[in-house]
Amino acid sequence: MRLEFLPSFERSIKSLPLAQKEEIKKVAAQLIDVLSQDRTIHQGLG
């Protein structure tokens, strides 16, 4: 799945090193994937 992040998100991570930016985007994509599934979400994620 390809995600496009909002410009405000891009601005919020603009000052970080490239490696950290990519890691944040990867984790955000994983979170979106988990939340988009039709499953019960553990209390810590919801």
PDB file of N, CA and C in Angstrom:
ATOM      1  N   MET A   1       0.835  -1.169   0.000  1.00  0.00           N
ATOM      2  CA  MET A   1       0.000   0.000   0.000  1.00  0.00           C
ATOM      3  C   MET A   1       0.890   1.245   0.000  1.00  0.00           C
ATOM      4  N   ARG A   2       0.574   2.147  -0.875  1.00  0.00           N
ATOM      5  CA  ARG A   2       1.335   3.397  -0.963  1.00  0.00           C
ATOM      6  C   ARG A   2       0.578   4.488  -0.215  1.00  0.00           C
ATOM      7  N   LEU A   3       1.276   5.189   0.640  1.00  0.00           N
ATOM      8  CA  LEU A   3       0.663   6.258   1.417  1.00  0.00           C
ATOM      9  C   LEU A   3       1.255   7.597   1.020  1.00  0.00           C
ATOM     10  N   GLU A   4       0.418   8.615   1.019  1.00  0.00           N
ATOM     11  CA  GLU A   4       0.896   9.977   0.846  1.00  0.00           C
ATOM     12  C   GLU A   4       0.615  10.711   2.142  1.00  0.00           C
ATOM     13  N   PHE A   5       1.645  11.237   2.741  1.00  0.00           N
ATOM     14  CA  PHE A   5       1.498  11.955   3.995  1.00  0.00           C
ATOM     15  C   PHE A   5       1.160  13.409   3.712  1.00  0.00           C
ATOM     16  N   LEU A   6       0.377  14.002   4.590  1.00  0.00           N
ATOM     17  CA  LEU A   6      -0.005  15.403   4.457  1.00  0.00           C
ATOM     18  C   LEU A   6       1.218  16.308   4.583  1.00  0.00           C
ATOM     19  N   PRO A   7       1.169  17.467   3.922  1.00  0.00           N
ATOM     20  CA  PRO A   7       2.296  18.404   4.037  1.00  0.00           C
ATOM     21  C   PRO A   7       2.603  18.781   5.488  1.00  0.00           C
ATOM     22  N   SER A   8       1.588  18.868   6.325  1.00  0.00           N
ATOM     23  CA  SER A   8       1.827  19.220   7.732  1.00  0.00           C
ATOM     24  C   SER A   8       2.652  18.143   8.431  1.00  0.00           C
ATOM     25  N   PHE A   9       2.432  16.876   8.079  1.00  0.00           N
ATOM     26  CA  PHE A   9       3.228  15.787   8.641  1.00  0.00           C
ATOM     27  C   PHE A   9       4.673  15.902   8.156  1.00  0.00           C
ATOM     28  N   GLU A  10       4.837  16.148   6.871  1.00  0.00           N
ATOM     29  CA  GLU A  10       6.175  16.291   6.297  1.00  0.00           C
ATOM     30  C   GLU A  10       6.929  17.449   6.975  1.00  0.00           C
ATOM     31  N   ARG A  11       6.232  18.552   7.217  1.00  0.00           N
ATOM     32  CA  ARG A  11       6.880  19.698   7.878  1.00  0.00           C
ATOM     33  C   ARG A  11       7.280  19.357   9.308  1.00  0.00           C
ATOM     34  N   SER A  12       6.457  18.535   9.977  1.00  0.00           N
ATOM     35  CA  SER A  12       6.746  18.220  11.377  1.00  0.00           C
ATOM     36  C   SER A  12       7.992  17.351  11.539  1.00  0.00           C
ATOM     37  N   ILE A  13       8.378  16.628  10.500  1.00  0.00           N
ATOM     38  CA  ILE A  13       9.581  15.785  10.591  1.00  0.00           C
ATOM     39  C   ILE A  13      10.723  16.310   9.716  1.00  0.00           C
ATOM     40  N   LYS A  14      10.540  17.483   9.163  1.00  0.00           N
ATOM     41  CA  LYS A  14      11.499  18.054   8.216  1.00  0.00           C
ATOM     42  C   LYS A  14      12.917  18.171   8.780  1.00  0.00           C
ATOM     43  N   SER A  15      13.046  18.523  10.039  1.00  0.00           N
ATOM     44  CA  SER A  15      14.366  18.787  10.602  1.00  0.00           C
ATOM     45  C   SER A  15      15.114  17.525  11.027  1.00  0.00           C
ATOM     46  N   LEU A  16      14.463  16.376  10.971  1.00  0.00           N
ATOM     47  CA  LEU A  16      15.102  15.125  11.395  1.00  0.00           C
ATOM     48  C   LEU A  16      16.021  14.580  10.304  1.00  0.00           C
ATOM     49  N   PRO A  17      16.992  13.770  10.697  1.00  0.00           N
ATOM     50  CA  PRO A  17      17.844  13.108   9.700  1.00  0.00           C
ATOM     51  C   PRO A  17      17.014  12.160   8.823  1.00  0.00           C
ATOM     52  N   LEU A  18      17.476  11.933   7.617  1.00  0.00           N
ATOM     53  CA  LEU A  18      16.746  11.117   6.647  1.00  0.00           C
ATOM     54  C   LEU A  18      16.401   9.730   7.188  1.00  0.00           C
ATOM     55  N   ALA A  19      17.329   9.097   7.881  1.00  0.00           N
ATOM     56  CA  ALA A  19      17.078   7.756   8.421  1.00  0.00           C
ATOM     57  C   ALA A  19      15.905   7.765   9.402  1.00  0.00           C
ATOM     58  N   GLN A  20      15.831   8.786  10.232  1.00  0.00           N
ATOM     59  CA  GLN A  20      14.732   8.887  11.197  1.00  0.00           C
ATOM     60  C   GLN A  20      13.405   9.173  10.492  1.00  0.00           C
ATOM     61  N   LYS A  21      13.437  10.013   9.462  1.00  0.00           N
ATOM     62  CA  LYS A  21      12.226  10.301   8.693  1.00  0.00           C
ATOM     63  C   LYS A  21      11.660   9.009   8.092  1.00  0.00           C
ATOM     64  N   GLU A  22      12.525   8.231   7.486  1.00  0.00           N
ATOM     65  CA  GLU A  22      12.085   6.985   6.852  1.00  0.00           C
ATOM     66  C   GLU A  22      11.542   6.003   7.884  1.00  0.00           C
ATOM     67  N   GLU A  23      12.169   5.932   9.041  1.00  0.00           N
ATOM     68  CA  GLU A  23      11.704   5.030  10.104  1.00  0.00           C
ATOM     69  C   GLU A  23      10.331   5.469  10.615  1.00  0.00           C
ATOM     70  N   ILE A  24      10.141   6.763  10.790  1.00  0.00           N
ATOM     71  CA  ILE A  24       8.850   7.280  11.254  1.00  0.00           C
ATOM     72  C   ILE A  24       7.766   6.969  10.235  1.00  0.00           C
ATOM     73  N   LYS A  25       8.055   7.155   8.962  1.00  0.00           N
ATOM     74  CA  LYS A  25       7.068   6.863   7.920  1.00  0.00           C
ATOM     75  C   LYS A  25       6.751   5.373   7.876  1.00  0.00           C
ATOM     76  N   LYS A  26       7.762   4.542   8.070  1.00  0.00           N
ATOM     77  CA  LYS A  26       7.557   3.092   8.072  1.00  0.00           C
ATOM     78  C   LYS A  26       6.647   2.684   9.233  1.00  0.00           C
ATOM     79  N   VAL A  27       6.915   3.204  10.417  1.00  0.00           N
ATOM     80  CA  VAL A  27       6.119   2.873  11.594  1.00  0.00           C
ATOM     81  C   VAL A  27       4.692   3.407  11.433  1.00  0.00           C
ATOM     82  N   ALA A  28       4.538   4.598  10.881  1.00  0.00           N
ATOM     83  CA  ALA A  28       3.206   5.160  10.659  1.00  0.00           C
ATOM     84  C   ALA A  28       2.415   4.282   9.693  1.00  0.00           C
ATOM     85  N   ALA A  29       3.056   3.805   8.640  1.00  0.00           N
ATOM     86  CA  ALA A  29       2.384   2.926   7.683  1.00  0.00           C
ATOM     87  C   ALA A  29       1.970   1.618   8.347  1.00  0.00           C
ATOM     88  N   GLN A  30       2.819   1.079   9.196  1.00  0.00           N
ATOM     89  CA  GLN A  30       2.476  -0.153   9.914  1.00  0.00           C
ATOM     90  C   GLN A  30       1.289   0.073  10.845  1.00  0.00           C
ATOM     91  N   LEU A  31       1.263   1.204  11.536  1.00  0.00           N
ATOM     92  CA  LEU A  31       0.155   1.519  12.430  1.00  0.00           C
ATOM     93  C   LEU A  31      -1.150   1.668  11.645  1.00  0.00           C
ATOM     94  N   ILE A  32      -1.099   2.355  10.519  1.00  0.00           N
ATOM     95  CA  ILE A  32      -2.286   2.508   9.681  1.00  0.00           C
ATOM     96  C   ILE A  32      -2.782   1.147   9.215  1.00  0.00           C
ATOM     97  N   ASP A  33      -1.860   0.265   8.862  1.00  0.00           N
ATOM     98  CA  ASP A  33      -2.229  -1.082   8.432  1.00  0.00           C
ATOM     99  C   ASP A  33      -2.937  -1.839   9.552  1.00  0.00           C
ATOM    100  N   VAL A  34      -2.418  -1.772  10.761  1.00  0.00           N
ATOM    101  CA  VAL A  34      -3.029  -2.456  11.908  1.00  0.00           C
ATOM    102  C   VAL A  34      -4.409  -1.876  12.191  1.00  0.00           C
ATOM    103  N   LEU A  35      -4.521  -0.564  12.184  1.00  0.00           N
ATOM    104  CA  LEU A  35      -5.793   0.079  12.510  1.00  0.00           C
ATOM    105  C   LEU A  35      -6.851  -0.119  11.430  1.00  0.00           C
ATOM    106  N   SER A  36      -6.433  -0.363  10.192  1.00  0.00           N
ATOM    107  CA  SER A  36      -7.394  -0.524   9.106  1.00  0.00           C
ATOM    108  C   SER A  36      -7.953  -1.945   9.017  1.00  0.00           C
ATOM    109  N   GLN A  37      -7.380  -2.877   9.745  1.00  0.00           N
ATOM    110  CA  GLN A  37      -7.878  -4.243   9.751  1.00  0.00           C
ATOM    111  C   GLN A  37      -9.129  -4.344  10.616  1.00  0.00           C
ATOM    112  N   ASP A  38      -9.994  -5.257  10.249  1.00  0.00           N
ATOM    113  CA  ASP A  38     -11.238  -5.450  10.992  1.00  0.00           C
ATOM    114  C   ASP A  38     -10.992  -6.429  12.134  1.00  0.00           C
ATOM    115  N   ARG A  39     -10.238  -5.968  13.114  1.00  0.00           N
ATOM    116  CA  ARG A  39      -9.895  -6.801  14.279  1.00  0.00           C
ATOM    117  C   ARG A  39     -10.063  -5.988  15.547  1.00  0.00           C
ATOM    118  N   THR A  40     -10.141  -6.693  16.639  1.00  0.00           N
ATOM    119  CA  THR A  40     -10.187  -6.023  17.928  1.00  0.00           C
ATOM    120  C   THR A  40      -8.816  -5.415  18.208  1.00  0.00           C
ATOM    121  N   ILE A  41      -8.814  -4.174  18.607  1.00  0.00           N
ATOM    122  CA  ILE A  41      -7.561  -3.472  18.871  1.00  0.00           C
ATOM    123  C   ILE A  41      -7.284  -3.529  20.360  1.00  0.00           C
ATOM    124  N   HIS A  42      -6.050  -3.830  20.717  1.00  0.00           N
ATOM    125  CA  HIS A  42      -5.664  -3.845  22.111  1.00  0.00           C
ATOM    126  C   HIS A  42      -5.844  -2.453  22.691  1.00  0.00           C
ATOM    127  N   GLN A  43      -6.167  -2.380  23.942  1.00  0.00           N
ATOM    128  CA  GLN A  43      -6.498  -1.125  24.598  1.00  0.00           C
ATOM    129  C   GLN A  43      -5.380  -0.088  24.444  1.00  0.00           C
ATOM    130  N   GLY A  44      -4.139  -0.494  24.413  1.00  0.00           N
ATOM    131  CA  GLY A  44      -3.021   0.433  24.289  1.00  0.00           C
ATOM    132  C   GLY A  44      -2.904   1.065  22.920  1.00  0.00           C
ATOM    133  N   LEU A  45      -3.550   0.504  21.888  1.00  0.00           N
ATOM    134  CA  LEU A  45      -3.478   1.046  20.542  1.00  0.00           C
ATOM    135  C   LEU A  45      -4.714   1.849  20.156  1.00  0.00           C
ATOM    136  N   GLY A  46      -5.750   1.786  20.924  1.00  0.00           N
ATOM    137  CA  GLY A  46      -7.003   2.443  20.544  1.00  0.00           C
ATOM    138  C   GLY A  46      -7.260   3.591  21.395  1.00  0.00           C
TER     139      GLY A  46
END
